[in-house]
Structure formats: structure tokens, C-alpha cells
């Protein structure tokens, strides 16, 4: 008979020690997140100095915002044919939302 237990990770050491003292063992299965392939977004090339290509599968992208590392919005763009011109931006590290 399988019994399922839920516990927090902060109590994991105590739980495993208790099982060892009782001479018991357990099997732990990893729980993952199922990723829907149609929800993938690809942004490339990285690095680039001219255009970003955005592939979003079936997801509709209305516009994108580009921020600098300080959180300042530098550019808002509506991708045309899945590309966005970033040539006005100086060299740097940016966050695409």
C-alpha cells in the first residue's frame, strides 16, 4: 500500500533521520512542470546589434518592452515579421519583456 506524505524541505533532514532510526526507507520521485511546447518563446540572436528575432509559436505578441539593468524602459516595439529593431540602443545588457 502506498502512503503519500507532504512535508516541507526544512524538515527533510529530521524526516530522513527518523526513517533511518526506524530502519525504514522511502522512494522519492521528482515532481516536474509540464511545459507546453506551444508556449515557448525564442529570442535570438544573442548578442546582436541590429535586430532581435522573436518566435512565439501560437502565442500572440502585441508589443515588447526593453529595459536596461536599472529597470528603465528604453524601448517599446511592436514586432514586424517577428523582428524588432534594436539598433538605436547602445551596447549593453538588456531585459526583454
Protein backbone atom coordinates (compact mmCIF):
# COMPACT_ATOMS: atom_id res chain seq x y z
CA UNK A 1 0.00 0.00 0.00
CA UNK A 2 1.37 3.42 -0.96
CA UNK A 3 1.06 6.22 1.56
CA UNK A 4 1.72 9.77 0.41
CA UNK A 5 3.25 12.30 2.78
CA UNK A 6 3.68 16.00 2.26
CA UNK A 7 6.32 17.84 4.22
CA UNK A 8 8.37 20.99 3.90
CA UNK A 9 12.00 20.83 2.83
CA UNK A 10 13.14 22.45 6.09
CA UNK A 11 12.07 19.26 7.91
CA UNK A 12 13.64 16.88 5.38
CA UNK A 13 16.77 16.05 7.44
CA UNK A 14 14.70 15.27 10.53
CA UNK A 15 12.32 13.13 8.49
CA UNK A 16 15.13 11.13 6.86
CA UNK A 17 16.92 10.64 10.20
CA UNK A 18 13.71 9.34 11.78
CA UNK A 19 13.22 6.87 8.92
CA UNK A 20 16.82 5.66 9.26
CA UNK A 21 16.42 5.15 13.02
CA UNK A 22 13.28 3.11 12.40
CA UNK A 23 15.03 1.04 9.73
CA UNK A 24 12.69 2.26 7.02
CA UNK A 25 13.43 3.52 3.55
CA UNK A 26 11.49 5.67 1.12
CA UNK A 27 11.35 6.32 -2.58
CA UNK A 28 11.24 9.95 -3.68
CA UNK A 29 10.03 10.86 -7.16
CA UNK A 30 10.85 14.23 -8.67
CA UNK A 31 7.90 16.42 -9.49
CA UNK A 32 8.31 18.46 -12.63
CA UNK A 33 6.48 21.12 -14.52
CA UNK A 34 4.94 20.08 -17.79
CA UNK A 35 5.97 22.60 -20.40
CA UNK A 36 3.62 23.23 -23.26
CA UNK A 37 5.71 23.41 -26.44
CA UNK A 38 3.28 25.92 -27.98
CA UNK A 39 4.10 28.40 -25.18
CA UNK A 40 7.84 28.59 -25.87
CA UNK A 41 9.29 31.96 -26.80
CA UNK A 42 12.64 32.15 -28.57
CA UNK A 43 14.57 35.42 -28.76
CA UNK A 44 17.75 35.47 -30.85
CA UNK A 45 20.49 36.18 -31.87
CA UNK A 46 22.24 36.94 -28.62
CA UNK A 47 24.31 39.09 -28.75
CA UNK A 48 23.08 41.36 -31.52
CA UNK A 49 23.49 44.99 -32.55
CA UNK A 50 20.67 45.34 -35.05
CA UNK A 51 17.58 43.10 -34.93
CA UNK A 52 16.06 40.68 -32.45
CA UNK A 53 14.07 37.81 -33.87
CA UNK A 54 11.17 36.64 -31.70
CA UNK A 55 9.48 33.30 -32.30
CA UNK A 56 6.45 32.71 -30.12
CA UNK A 57 4.72 29.74 -31.73
CA UNK A 58 0.98 30.13 -31.29
CA UNK A 59 1.29 32.91 -28.70
CA UNK A 60 0.41 36.38 -29.96
CA UNK A 61 2.92 39.07 -29.01
CA UNK A 62 1.36 42.52 -29.00
CA UNK A 63 4.42 44.54 -28.11
CA UNK A 64 7.71 44.14 -26.31
CA UNK A 65 9.44 46.38 -23.82
CA UNK A 66 13.20 46.53 -23.45
CA UNK A 67 14.71 47.63 -20.13
CA UNK A 68 18.26 48.35 -19.03
CA UNK A 69 19.75 46.64 -15.97
CA UNK A 70 18.48 49.51 -13.79
CA UNK A 71 14.88 48.82 -14.78
CA UNK A 72 14.48 51.87 -17.02
CA UNK A 73 12.30 51.25 -20.07
CA UNK A 74 14.34 52.18 -23.13
CA UNK A 75 12.22 50.90 -25.98
CA UNK A 76 8.69 49.72 -26.70
CA UNK A 77 8.20 47.97 -30.00
CA UNK A 78 5.61 46.01 -31.95
CA UNK A 79 7.50 43.20 -33.70
CA UNK A 80 7.12 43.28 -37.50
CA UNK A 81 7.50 39.87 -39.15
CA UNK A 82 8.81 38.54 -35.81
CA UNK A 83 11.70 41.05 -35.72
CA UNK A 84 12.40 44.14 -33.63
CA UNK A 85 14.97 46.79 -34.48
CA UNK A 86 17.24 47.49 -31.51
CA UNK A 87 19.97 49.35 -33.43
CA UNK A 88 19.23 52.66 -31.62
CA UNK A 89 20.27 51.08 -28.29
CA UNK A 90 23.89 51.39 -27.14
CA UNK A 91 25.89 48.24 -26.38
CA UNK A 92 24.80 46.75 -23.06
CA UNK A 93 22.78 44.14 -21.21
CA UNK A 94 19.01 44.38 -21.58
CA UNK A 95 15.86 42.68 -20.32
CA UNK A 96 13.09 41.88 -22.78
CA UNK A 97 9.52 41.75 -21.50
